[in-house]
Amino acid sequence: MFQRICPAIFLFASIIVAGAQAPSAPGKPLPPGPAQAKVKAACTSCHNTSRITEQHLTRQQWSAQLEKMEGLGAVIADSDRDALLSYLTRNFGPQKGAAKPAKKSGSDAD
């Protein structure tokens, strides 16, 4: 019986470990900016950029996210914190997540 269960346990454990590793898909590219490289270095060692680009948070919310990630092991230098927050808020703030206005229907001539 052990010989039947052991391979199943090994397979299950392998799936869990593989899922916990850093993703291979890069996600959406981060926009250019002075803190782009630092955001990429601090954040993408654990997850892809889509985890960043799909959020639209206030500066205070981004600050809370940085603190949360530091608690999980992200290394963010105090001297870089303000630049990271400015970059994240400018590129992925609440206004960036707002719905885009609908295009006019019909002809362009008014």
PDB file of N, CA and C in Angstrom:
ATOM      1  N   MET A   1       0.826  -1.191   0.000  1.00  0.00           N
ATOM      2  CA  MET A   1       0.000   0.000   0.000  1.00  0.00           C
ATOM      3  C   MET A   1       0.876   1.262   0.000  1.00  0.00           C
ATOM      4  N   PHE A   2       1.950   1.242   0.779  1.00  0.00           N
ATOM      5  CA  PHE A   2       2.852   2.385   0.832  1.00  0.00           C
ATOM      6  C   PHE A   2       3.444   2.677  -0.548  1.00  0.00           C
ATOM      7  N   GLN A   3       3.724   1.620  -1.322  1.00  0.00           N
ATOM      8  CA  GLN A   3       4.304   1.795  -2.643  1.00  0.00           C
ATOM      9  C   GLN A   3       3.337   2.493  -3.593  1.00  0.00           C
ATOM     10  N   ARG A   4       2.045   2.393  -3.351  1.00  0.00           N
ATOM     11  CA  ARG A   4       1.050   3.081  -4.188  1.00  0.00           C
ATOM     12  C   ARG A   4       0.868   4.528  -3.750  1.00  0.00           C
ATOM     13  N   ILE A   5       0.917   4.766  -2.450  1.00  0.00           N
ATOM     14  CA  ILE A   5       0.660   6.109  -1.921  1.00  0.00           C
ATOM     15  C   ILE A   5       1.869   7.024  -2.075  1.00  0.00           C
ATOM     16  N   CYS A   6       3.059   6.496  -1.908  1.00  0.00           N
ATOM     17  CA  CYS A   6       4.276   7.308  -1.965  1.00  0.00           C
ATOM     18  C   CYS A   6       4.407   8.100  -3.269  1.00  0.00           C
ATOM     19  N   PRO A   7       4.238   7.490  -4.450  1.00  0.00           N
ATOM     20  CA  PRO A   7       4.337   8.287  -5.685  1.00  0.00           C
ATOM     21  C   PRO A   7       3.271   9.389  -5.773  1.00  0.00           C
ATOM     22  N   ALA A   8       2.087   9.115  -5.267  1.00  0.00           N
ATOM     23  CA  ALA A   8       1.029  10.124  -5.298  1.00  0.00           C
ATOM     24  C   ALA A   8       1.384  11.306  -4.400  1.00  0.00           C
ATOM     25  N   ILE A   9       1.932  11.027  -3.223  1.00  0.00           N
ATOM     26  CA  ILE A   9       2.349  12.097  -2.314  1.00  0.00           C
ATOM     27  C   ILE A   9       3.479  12.905  -2.935  1.00  0.00           C
ATOM     28  N   PHE A  10       4.444  12.230  -3.547  1.00  0.00           N
ATOM     29  CA  PHE A  10       5.550  12.913  -4.193  1.00  0.00           C
ATOM     30  C   PHE A  10       5.052  13.821  -5.321  1.00  0.00           C
ATOM     31  N   LEU A  11       4.134  13.347  -6.128  1.00  0.00           N
ATOM     32  CA  LEU A  11       3.581  14.135  -7.225  1.00  0.00           C
ATOM     33  C   LEU A  11       2.846  15.363  -6.682  1.00  0.00           C
ATOM     34  N   PHE A  12       2.032  15.165  -5.683  1.00  0.00           N
ATOM     35  CA  PHE A  12       1.291  16.269  -5.075  1.00  0.00           C
ATOM     36  C   PHE A  12       2.248  17.313  -4.503  1.00  0.00           C
ATOM     37  N   ALA A  13       3.275  16.882  -3.783  1.00  0.00           N
ATOM     38  CA  ALA A  13       4.260  17.797  -3.207  1.00  0.00           C
ATOM     39  C   ALA A  13       5.008  18.553  -4.305  1.00  0.00           C
ATOM     40  N   SER A  14       5.327  17.890  -5.396  1.00  0.00           N
ATOM     41  CA  SER A  14       6.028  18.539  -6.511  1.00  0.00           C
ATOM     42  C   SER A  14       5.182  19.639  -7.133  1.00  0.00           C
ATOM     43  N   ILE A  15       3.895  19.401  -7.261  1.00  0.00           N
ATOM     44  CA  ILE A  15       2.989  20.404  -7.821  1.00  0.00           C
ATOM     45  C   ILE A  15       2.936  21.622  -6.916  1.00  0.00           C
ATOM     46  N   ILE A  16       2.859  21.405  -5.619  1.00  0.00           N
ATOM     47  CA  ILE A  16       2.811  22.528  -4.672  1.00  0.00           C
ATOM     48  C   ILE A  16       4.100  23.338  -4.735  1.00  0.00           C
ATOM     49  N   VAL A  17       5.244  22.680  -4.744  1.00  0.00           N
ATOM     50  CA  VAL A  17       6.529  23.377  -4.789  1.00  0.00           C
ATOM     51  C   VAL A  17       6.674  24.145  -6.103  1.00  0.00           C
ATOM     52  N   ALA A  18       6.291  23.555  -7.207  1.00  0.00           N
ATOM     53  CA  ALA A  18       6.393  24.223  -8.507  1.00  0.00           C
ATOM     54  C   ALA A  18       5.503  25.457  -8.550  1.00  0.00           C
ATOM     55  N   GLY A  19       4.335  25.385  -7.952  1.00  0.00           N
ATOM     56  CA  GLY A  19       3.432  26.530  -7.931  1.00  0.00           C
ATOM     57  C   GLY A  19       3.918  27.649  -7.050  1.00  0.00           C
ATOM     58  N   ALA A  20       4.740  27.364  -6.061  1.00  0.00           N
ATOM     59  CA  ALA A  20       5.230  28.371  -5.129  1.00  0.00           C
ATOM     60  C   ALA A  20       6.442  29.115  -5.672  1.00  0.00           C
ATOM     61  N   GLN A  21       7.057  28.628  -6.707  1.00  0.00           N
ATOM     62  CA  GLN A  21       8.237  29.279  -7.272  1.00  0.00           C
ATOM     63  C   GLN A  21       7.832  30.510  -8.058  1.00  0.00           C
ATOM     64  N   ALA A  22       8.809  31.378  -8.307  1.00  0.00           N
ATOM     65  CA  ALA A  22       8.566  32.589  -9.077  1.00  0.00           C
ATOM     66  C   ALA A  22       8.000  32.225 -10.440  1.00  0.00           C
ATOM     67  N   PRO A  23       7.033  32.991 -10.924  1.00  0.00           N
ATOM     68  CA  PRO A  23       6.412  32.690 -12.204  1.00  0.00           C
ATOM     69  C   PRO A  23       7.383  32.880 -13.365  1.00  0.00           C
ATOM     70  N   SER A  24       7.192  32.090 -14.394  1.00  0.00           N
ATOM     71  CA  SER A  24       8.061  32.212 -15.562  1.00  0.00           C
ATOM     72  C   SER A  24       7.534  33.253 -16.538  1.00  0.00           C
ATOM     73  N   ALA A  25       6.233  33.514 -16.530  1.00  0.00           N
ATOM     74  CA  ALA A  25       5.664  34.514 -17.423  1.00  0.00           C
ATOM     75  C   ALA A  25       5.983  35.906 -16.888  1.00  0.00           C
ATOM     76  N   PRO A  26       6.519  36.778 -17.718  1.00  0.00           N
ATOM     77  CA  PRO A  26       6.945  38.085 -17.238  1.00  0.00           C
ATOM     78  C   PRO A  26       5.794  39.039 -16.925  1.00  0.00           C
ATOM     79  N   GLY A  27       4.634  38.861 -17.495  1.00  0.00           N
ATOM     80  CA  GLY A  27       3.532  39.789 -17.281  1.00  0.00           C
ATOM     81  C   GLY A  27       3.685  41.026 -18.152  1.00  0.00           C
ATOM     82  N   LYS A  28       2.882  42.026 -17.861  1.00  0.00           N
ATOM     83  CA  LYS A  28       2.913  43.262 -18.636  1.00  0.00           C
ATOM     84  C   LYS A  28       4.194  44.030 -18.309  1.00  0.00           C
ATOM     85  N   PRO A  29       4.741  44.746 -19.289  1.00  0.00           N
ATOM     86  CA  PRO A  29       5.956  45.520 -19.007  1.00  0.00           C
ATOM     87  C   PRO A  29       5.646  46.718 -18.098  1.00  0.00           C
ATOM     88  N   LEU A  30       6.609  47.050 -17.264  1.00  0.00           N
ATOM     89  CA  LEU A  30       6.464  48.230 -16.417  1.00  0.00           C
ATOM     90  C   LEU A  30       6.800  49.470 -17.235  1.00  0.00           C
ATOM     91  N   PRO A  31       6.051  50.553 -17.058  1.00  0.00           N
ATOM     92  CA  PRO A  31       6.350  51.774 -17.809  1.00  0.00           C
ATOM     93  C   PRO A  31       7.712  52.350 -17.422  1.00  0.00           C
ATOM     94  N   PRO A  32       8.352  53.042 -18.335  1.00  0.00           N
ATOM     95  CA  PRO A  32       9.645  53.651 -18.012  1.00  0.00           C
ATOM     96  C   PRO A  32       9.490  54.697 -16.909  1.00  0.00           C
ATOM     97  N   GLY A  33      10.537  54.868 -16.168  1.00  0.00           N
ATOM     98  CA  GLY A  33      10.538  55.860 -15.101  1.00  0.00           C
ATOM     99  C   GLY A  33      11.765  55.672 -14.242  1.00  0.00           C
ATOM    100  N   PRO A  34      12.063  56.673 -13.415  1.00  0.00           N
ATOM    101  CA  PRO A  34      13.287  56.617 -12.623  1.00  0.00           C
ATOM    102  C   PRO A  34      13.345  55.452 -11.629  1.00  0.00           C
ATOM    103  N   ALA A  35      12.213  54.953 -11.176  1.00  0.00           N
ATOM    104  CA  ALA A  35      12.213  53.864 -10.198  1.00  0.00           C
ATOM    105  C   ALA A  35      11.827  52.520 -10.803  1.00  0.00           C
ATOM    106  N   GLN A  36      11.698  52.466 -12.127  1.00  0.00           N
ATOM    107  CA  GLN A  36      11.273  51.220 -12.776  1.00  0.00           C
ATOM    108  C   GLN A  36      12.166  50.039 -12.402  1.00  0.00           C
ATOM    109  N   ALA A  37      13.473  50.213 -12.483  1.00  0.00           N
ATOM    110  CA  ALA A  37      14.401  49.114 -12.202  1.00  0.00           C
ATOM    111  C   ALA A  37      14.309  48.674 -10.740  1.00  0.00           C
ATOM    112  N   LYS A  38      14.119  49.626  -9.848  1.00  0.00           N
ATOM    113  CA  LYS A  38      14.035  49.279  -8.427  1.00  0.00           C
ATOM    114  C   LYS A  38      12.731  48.558  -8.115  1.00  0.00           C
ATOM    115  N   VAL A  39      11.642  48.970  -8.748  1.00  0.00           N
ATOM    116  CA  VAL A  39      10.362  48.270  -8.567  1.00  0.00           C
ATOM    117  C   VAL A  39      10.494  46.850  -9.104  1.00  0.00           C
ATOM    118  N   LYS A  40      11.087  46.744 -10.274  1.00  0.00           N
ATOM    119  CA  LYS A  40      11.259  45.425 -10.884  1.00  0.00           C
ATOM    120  C   LYS A  40      12.110  44.526  -9.990  1.00  0.00           C
ATOM    121  N   ALA A  41      13.204  45.066  -9.455  1.00  0.00           N
ATOM    122  CA  ALA A  41      14.091  44.266  -8.609  1.00  0.00           C
ATOM    123  C   ALA A  41      13.411  43.855  -7.307  1.00  0.00           C
ATOM    124  N   ALA A  42      12.664  44.767  -6.709  1.00  0.00           N
ATOM    125  CA  ALA A  42      12.045  44.487  -5.408  1.00  0.00           C
ATOM    126  C   ALA A  42      10.830  43.577  -5.531  1.00  0.00           C
ATOM    127  N   CYS A  43      10.119  43.655  -6.640  1.00  0.00           N
ATOM    128  CA  CYS A  43       8.817  42.986  -6.726  1.00  0.00           C
ATOM    129  C   CYS A  43       8.799  41.705  -7.554  1.00  0.00           C
ATOM    130  N   THR A  44       9.566  41.666  -8.619  1.00  0.00           N
ATOM    131  CA  THR A  44       9.402  40.549  -9.550  1.00  0.00           C
ATOM    132  C   THR A  44      10.216  39.315  -9.198  1.00  0.00           C
ATOM    133  N   SER A  45      10.915  39.341  -8.088  1.00  0.00           N
ATOM    134  CA  SER A  45      11.597  38.114  -7.681  1.00  0.00           C
ATOM    135  C   SER A  45      10.588  37.102  -7.133  1.00  0.00           C
ATOM    136  N   CYS A  46       9.418  37.594  -6.731  1.00  0.00           N
ATOM    137  CA  CYS A  46       8.383  36.699  -6.182  1.00  0.00           C
ATOM    138  C   CYS A  46       7.165  36.547  -7.085  1.00  0.00           C
ATOM    139  N   HIS A  47       6.861  37.543  -7.879  1.00  0.00           N
ATOM    140  CA  HIS A  47       5.685  37.449  -8.754  1.00  0.00           C
ATOM    141  C   HIS A  47       5.914  38.274 -10.007  1.00  0.00           C
ATOM    142  N   ASN A  48       5.084  38.045 -11.020  1.00  0.00           N
ATOM    143  CA  ASN A  48       5.284  38.765 -12.278  1.00  0.00           C
ATOM    144  C   ASN A  48       4.705  40.173 -12.192  1.00  0.00           C
ATOM    145  N   THR A  49       5.004  40.979 -13.192  1.00  0.00           N
ATOM    146  CA  THR A  49       4.612  42.386 -13.168  1.00  0.00           C
ATOM    147  C   THR A  49       3.107  42.599 -13.225  1.00  0.00           C
ATOM    148  N   SER A  50       2.361  41.624 -13.709  1.00  0.00           N
ATOM    149  CA  SER A  50       0.905  41.778 -13.751  1.00  0.00           C
ATOM    150  C   SER A  50       0.333  41.983 -12.357  1.00  0.00           C
ATOM    151  N   ARG A  51       0.982  41.437 -11.375  1.00  0.00           N
ATOM    152  CA  ARG A  51       0.535  41.616  -9.985  1.00  0.00           C
ATOM    153  C   ARG A  51       0.573  43.104  -9.613  1.00  0.00           C
ATOM    154  N   ILE A  52       1.461  43.852 -10.239  1.00  0.00           N
ATOM    155  CA  ILE A  52       1.568  45.293  -9.999  1.00  0.00           C
ATOM    156  C   ILE A  52       0.641  46.048 -10.950  1.00  0.00           C
ATOM    157  N   THR A  53       0.746  45.744 -12.229  1.00  0.00           N
ATOM    158  CA  THR A  53       0.050  46.528 -13.254  1.00  0.00           C
ATOM    159  C   THR A  53      -1.465  46.411 -13.184  1.00  0.00           C
ATOM    160  N   GLU A  54      -1.970  45.359 -12.582  1.00  0.00           N
ATOM    161  CA  GLU A  54      -3.420  45.174 -12.509  1.00  0.00           C
ATOM    162  C   GLU A  54      -4.045  45.822 -11.281  1.00  0.00           C
ATOM    163  N   GLN A  55      -3.208  46.380 -10.397  1.00  0.00           N
ATOM    164  CA  GLN A  55      -3.724  47.066  -9.209  1.00  0.00           C
ATOM    165  C   GLN A  55      -3.728  48.567  -9.471  1.00  0.00           C
ATOM    166  N   HIS A  56      -4.673  49.243  -8.897  1.00  0.00           N
ATOM    167  CA  HIS A  56      -4.773  50.704  -9.035  1.00  0.00           C
ATOM    168  C   HIS A  56      -5.061  51.260  -7.655  1.00  0.00           C
ATOM    169  N   LEU A  57      -3.981  51.534  -6.919  1.00  0.00           N
ATOM    170  CA  LEU A  57      -4.083  51.891  -5.521  1.00  0.00           C
ATOM    171  C   LEU A  57      -3.665  53.332  -5.268  1.00  0.00           C
ATOM    172  N   THR A  58      -4.125  53.868  -4.144  1.00  0.00           N
ATOM    173  CA  THR A  58      -3.681  55.194  -3.712  1.00  0.00           C
ATOM    174  C   THR A  58      -2.252  55.074  -3.180  1.00  0.00           C
ATOM    175  N   ARG A  59      -1.619  56.206  -2.959  1.00  0.00           N
ATOM    176  CA  ARG A  59      -0.261  56.195  -2.407  1.00  0.00           C
ATOM    177  C   ARG A  59      -0.248  55.480  -1.050  1.00  0.00           C
ATOM    178  N   GLN A  60      -1.246  55.745  -0.228  1.00  0.00           N
ATOM    179  CA  GLN A  60      -1.332  55.115   1.087  1.00  0.00           C
ATOM    180  C   GLN A  60      -1.496  53.595   0.947  1.00  0.00           C
ATOM    181  N   GLN A  61      -2.310  53.165   0.000  1.00  0.00           N
ATOM    182  CA  GLN A  61      -2.497  51.728  -0.223  1.00  0.00           C
ATOM    183  C   GLN A  61      -1.221  51.076  -0.749  1.00  0.00           C
ATOM    184  N   TRP A  62      -0.512  51.769  -1.655  1.00  0.00           N
ATOM    185  CA  TRP A  62       0.760  51.225  -2.148  1.00  0.00           C
ATOM    186  C   TRP A  62       1.756  51.127  -0.998  1.00  0.00           C
ATOM    187  N   SER A  63       1.755  52.119  -0.105  1.00  0.00           N
ATOM    188  CA  SER A  63       2.652  52.081   1.051  1.00  0.00           C
ATOM    189  C   SER A  63       2.352  50.855   1.914  1.00  0.00           C
ATOM    190  N   ALA A  64       1.075  50.587   2.128  1.00  0.00           N
ATOM    191  CA  ALA A  64       0.683  49.409   2.905  1.00  0.00           C
ATOM    192  C   ALA A  64       1.129  48.126   2.197  1.00  0.00           C
ATOM    193  N   GLN A  65       1.033  48.102   0.862  1.00  0.00           N
ATOM    194  CA  GLN A  65       1.471  46.921   0.105  1.00  0.00           C
ATOM    195  C   GLN A  65       2.978  46.720   0.256  1.00  0.00           C
ATOM    196  N   LEU A  66       3.746  47.820   0.196  1.00  0.00           N
ATOM    197  CA  LEU A  66       5.194  47.705   0.362  1.00  0.00           C
ATOM    198  C   LEU A  66       5.530  47.150   1.751  1.00  0.00           C
ATOM    199  N   GLU A  67       4.846  47.642   2.770  1.00  0.00           N
ATOM    200  CA  GLU A  67       5.075  47.139   4.126  1.00  0.00           C
ATOM    201  C   GLU A  67       4.731  45.654   4.217  1.00  0.00           C
ATOM    202  N   LYS A  68       3.634  45.287   3.588  1.00  0.00           N
ATOM    203  CA  LYS A  68       3.220  43.878   3.586  1.00  0.00           C
ATOM    204  C   LYS A  68       4.283  43.012   2.907  1.00  0.00           C
ATOM    205  N   MET A  69       4.775  43.475   1.761  1.00  0.00           N
ATOM    206  CA  MET A  69       5.772  42.707   1.021  1.00  0.00           C
ATOM    207  C   MET A  69       7.095  42.632   1.785  1.00  0.00           C
ATOM    208  N   GLU A  70       7.449  43.714   2.488  1.00  0.00           N
ATOM    209  CA  GLU A  70       8.660  43.671   3.312  1.00  0.00           C
ATOM    210  C   GLU A  70       8.508  42.619   4.411  1.00  0.00           C
ATOM    211  N   GLY A  71       7.315  42.517   4.952  1.00  0.00           N
ATOM    212  CA  GLY A  71       7.049  41.495   5.959  1.00  0.00           C
ATOM    213  C   GLY A  71       7.183  40.086   5.411  1.00  0.00           C
ATOM    214  N   LEU A  72       7.010  39.960   4.100  1.00  0.00           N
ATOM    215  CA  LEU A  72       7.129  38.651   3.446  1.00  0.00           C
ATOM    216  C   LEU A  72       8.524  38.413   2.868  1.00  0.00           C
ATOM    217  N   GLY A  73       9.431  39.401   3.078  1.00  0.00           N
ATOM    218  CA  GLY A  73      10.809  39.190   2.657  1.00  0.00           C
ATOM    219  C   GLY A  73      11.337  40.116   1.578  1.00  0.00           C
ATOM    220  N   ALA A  74      10.508  40.985   1.017  1.00  0.00           N
ATOM    221  CA  ALA A  74      11.006  41.920   0.001  1.00  0.00           C
ATOM    222  C   ALA A  74      11.995  42.885   0.655  1.00  0.00           C
ATOM    223  N   VAL A  75      13.044  43.222  -0.075  1.00  0.00           N
ATOM    224  CA  VAL A  75      14.050  44.148   0.430  1.00  0.00           C
ATOM    225  C   VAL A  75      13.848  45.493  -0.257  1.00  0.00           C
ATOM    226  N   ILE A  76      13.438  46.487   0.537  1.00  0.00           N
ATOM    227  CA  ILE A  76      13.198  47.831   0.015  1.00  0.00           C
ATOM    228  C   ILE A  76      13.978  48.805   0.893  1.00  0.00           C
ATOM    229  N   ALA A  77      14.968  49.437   0.304  1.00  0.00           N
ATOM    230  CA  ALA A  77      15.787  50.393   1.058  1.00  0.00           C
ATOM    231  C   ALA A  77      14.939  51.607   1.434  1.00  0.00           C
ATOM    232  N   ASP A  78      15.117  52.105   2.647  1.00  0.00           N
ATOM    233  CA  ASP A  78      14.389  53.296   3.092  1.00  0.00           C
ATOM    234  C   ASP A  78      14.611  54.467   2.142  1.00  0.00           C
ATOM    235  N   SER A  79      15.818  54.560   1.595  1.00  0.00           N
ATOM    236  CA  SER A  79      16.144  55.662   0.683  1.00  0.00           C
ATOM    237  C   SER A  79      15.398  55.554  -0.644  1.00  0.00           C
ATOM    238  N   ASP A  80      14.883  54.374  -0.978  1.00  0.00           N
ATOM    239  CA  ASP A  80      14.153  54.163  -2.238  1.00  0.00           C
ATOM    240  C   ASP A  80      12.644  54.244  -2.070  1.00  0.00           C
ATOM    241  N   ARG A  81      12.162  54.207  -0.849  1.00  0.00           N
ATOM    242  CA  ARG A  81      10.728  54.090  -0.577  1.00  0.00           C
ATOM    243  C   ARG A  81       9.907  55.195  -1.233  1.00  0.00           C
ATOM    244  N   ASP A  82      10.307  56.444  -1.078  1.00  0.00           N
ATOM    245  CA  ASP A  82       9.536  57.554  -1.649  1.00  0.00           C
ATOM    246  C   ASP A  82       9.485  57.469  -3.179  1.00  0.00           C
ATOM    247  N   ALA A  83      10.616  57.137  -3.797  1.00  0.00           N
ATOM    248  CA  ALA A  83      10.658  57.011  -5.262  1.00  0.00           C
ATOM    249  C   ALA A  83       9.767  55.865  -5.736  1.00  0.00           C
ATOM    250  N   LEU A  84       9.780  54.743  -5.007  1.00  0.00           N
ATOM    251  CA  LEU A  84       8.927  53.612  -5.378  1.00  0.00           C
ATOM    252  C   LEU A  84       7.454  53.992  -5.269  1.00  0.00           C
ATOM    253  N   LEU A  85       7.099  54.650  -4.172  1.00  0.00           N
ATOM    254  CA  LEU A  85       5.701  55.054  -3.987  1.00  0.00           C
ATOM    255  C   LEU A  85       5.262  56.037  -5.067  1.00  0.00           C
ATOM    256  N   SER A  86       6.125  56.980  -5.411  1.00  0.00           N
ATOM    257  CA  SER A  86       5.780  57.946  -6.466  1.00  0.00           C
ATOM    258  C   SER A  86       5.584  57.239  -7.803  1.00  0.00           C
ATOM    259  N   TYR A  87       6.478  56.332  -8.131  1.00  0.00           N
ATOM    260  CA  TYR A  87       6.380  55.578  -9.385  1.00  0.00           C
ATOM    261  C   TYR A  87       5.097  54.751  -9.422  1.00  0.00           C
ATOM    262  N   LEU A  88       4.840  54.011  -8.351  1.00  0.00           N
ATOM    263  CA  LEU A  88       3.653  53.151  -8.313  1.00  0.00           C
ATOM    264  C   LEU A  88       2.368  53.962  -8.384  1.00  0.00           C
ATOM    265  N   THR A  89       2.314  55.063  -7.647  1.00  0.00           N
ATOM    266  CA  THR A  89       1.107  55.890  -7.632  1.00  0.00           C
ATOM    267  C   THR A  89       0.893  56.576  -8.976  1.00  0.00           C
ATOM    268  N   ARG A  90       1.963  57.080  -9.572  1.00  0.00           N
ATOM    269  CA  ARG A  90       1.856  57.768 -10.862  1.00  0.00           C
ATOM    270  C   ARG A  90       1.402  56.806 -11.962  1.00  0.00           C
ATOM    271  N   ASN A  91       1.951  55.607 -11.962  1.00  0.00           N
ATOM    272  CA  ASN A  91       1.659  54.662 -13.039  1.00  0.00           C
ATOM    273  C   ASN A  91       0.508  53.708 -12.753  1.00  0.00           C
ATOM    274  N   PHE A  92       0.232  53.452 -11.476  1.00  0.00           N
ATOM    275  CA  PHE A  92      -0.792  52.473 -11.118  1.00  0.00           C
ATOM    276  C   PHE A  92      -1.672  52.996  -9.989  1.00  0.00           C
ATOM    277  N   GLY A  93      -1.952  54.283 -10.028  1.00  0.00           N
ATOM    278  CA  GLY A  93      -2.846  54.892  -9.049  1.00  0.00           C
ATOM    279  C   GLY A  93      -4.297  54.667  -9.431  1.00  0.00           C
ATOM    280  N   PRO A  94      -5.211  55.123  -8.586  1.00  0.00           N
ATOM    281  CA  PRO A  94      -6.646  54.903  -8.853  1.00  0.00           C
ATOM    282  C   PRO A  94      -7.110  55.501 -10.176  1.00  0.00           C
ATOM    283  N   GLN A  95      -6.543  56.645 -10.567  1.00  0.00           N
ATOM    284  CA  GLN A  95      -6.955  57.284 -11.819  1.00  0.00           C
ATOM    285  C   GLN A  95      -6.576  56.452 -13.027  1.00  0.00           C
ATOM    286  N   LYS A  96      -5.540  55.623 -12.910  1.00  0.00           N
ATOM    287  CA  LYS A  96      -5.115  54.770 -14.031  1.00  0.00           C
ATOM    288  C   LYS A  96      -6.063  53.583 -14.219  1.00  0.00           C
ATOM    289  N   GLY A  97      -6.867  53.285 -13.217  1.00  0.00           N
ATOM    290  CA  GLY A  97      -7.793  52.160 -13.307  1.00  0.00           C
ATOM    291  C   GLY A  97      -9.192  52.587 -13.697  1.00  0.00           C
ATOM    292  N   ALA A  98      -9.394  53.900 -13.861  1.00  0.00           N
ATOM    293  CA  ALA A  98     -10.723  54.399 -14.207  1.00  0.00           C
ATOM    294  C   ALA A  98     -11.105  53.923 -15.604  1.00  0.00           C
ATOM    295  N   ALA A  99     -12.373  53.736 -15.783  1.00  0.00           N
ATOM    296  CA  ALA A  99     -12.870  53.309 -17.095  1.00  0.00           C
ATOM    297  C   ALA A  99     -12.575  54.386 -18.128  1.00  0.00           C
ATOM    298  N   LYS A 100     -12.171  53.952 -19.284  1.00  0.00           N
ATOM    299  CA  LYS A 100     -11.893  54.888 -20.364  1.00  0.00           C
ATOM    300  C   LYS A 100     -13.205  55.311 -20.989  1.00  0.00           C
ATOM    301  N   PRO A 101     -13.287  56.588 -21.418  1.00  0.00           N
ATOM    302  CA  PRO A 101     -14.532  57.033 -22.032  1.00  0.00           C
ATOM    303  C   PRO A 101     -14.855  56.240 -23.294  1.00  0.00           C
ATOM    304  N   ALA A 102     -16.121  55.992 -23.485  1.00  0.00           N
ATOM    305  CA  ALA A 102     -16.552  55.237 -24.662  1.00  0.00           C
ATOM    306  C   ALA A 102     -16.343  56.078 -25.913  1.00  0.00           C
ATOM    307  N   LYS A 103     -15.991  55.403 -26.987  1.00  0.00           N
ATOM    308  CA  LYS A 103     -15.821  56.102 -28.266  1.00  0.00           C
ATOM    309  C   LYS A 103     -17.188  56.494 -28.794  1.00  0.00           C
ATOM    310  N   LYS A 104     -17.194  57.596 -29.530  1.00  0.00           N
ATOM    311  CA  LYS A 104     -18.455  58.041 -30.144  1.00  0.00           C
ATOM    312  C   LYS A 104     -18.896  57.028 -31.173  1.00  0.00           C
ATOM    313  N   SER A 105     -20.180  56.790 -31.202  1.00  0.00           N
ATOM    314  CA  SER A 105     -20.698  55.901 -32.250  1.00  0.00           C
ATOM    315  C   SER A 105     -21.091  56.753 -33.437  1.00  0.00           C
ATOM    316  N   GLY A 106     -21.093  56.179 -34.576  1.00  0.00           N
ATOM    317  CA  GLY A 106     -21.465  56.923 -35.782  1.00  0.00           C
ATOM    318  C   GLY A 106     -20.251  57.552 -36.422  1.00  0.00           C
ATOM    319  N   SER A 107     -20.473  58.570 -37.230  1.00  0.00           N
ATOM    320  CA  SER A 107     -19.376  59.203 -37.956  1.00  0.00           C
ATOM    321  C   SER A 107     -18.665  60.201 -37.068  1.00  0.00           C
ATOM    322  N   ASP A 108     -17.446  60.540 -37.471  1.00  0.00           N
ATOM    323  CA  ASP A 108     -16.651  61.517 -36.742  1.00  0.00           C
ATOM    324  C   ASP A 108     -17.059  62.938 -37.096  1.00  0.00           C
ATOM    325  N   ALA A 109     -17.737  63.131 -38.180  1.00  0.00           N
ATOM    326  CA  ALA A 109     -18.146  64.468 -38.592  1.00  0.00           C
ATOM    327  C   ALA A 109     -19.328  64.905 -37.758  1.00  0.00           C
ATOM    328  N   ASP A 110     -19.259  66.133 -37.187  1.00  0.00           N
ATOM    329  CA  ASP A 110     -20.372  66.641 -36.381  1.00  0.00           C
ATOM    330  C   ASP A 110     -21.102  67.732 -37.082  1.00  0.00           C
TER     331      ASP A 110
END
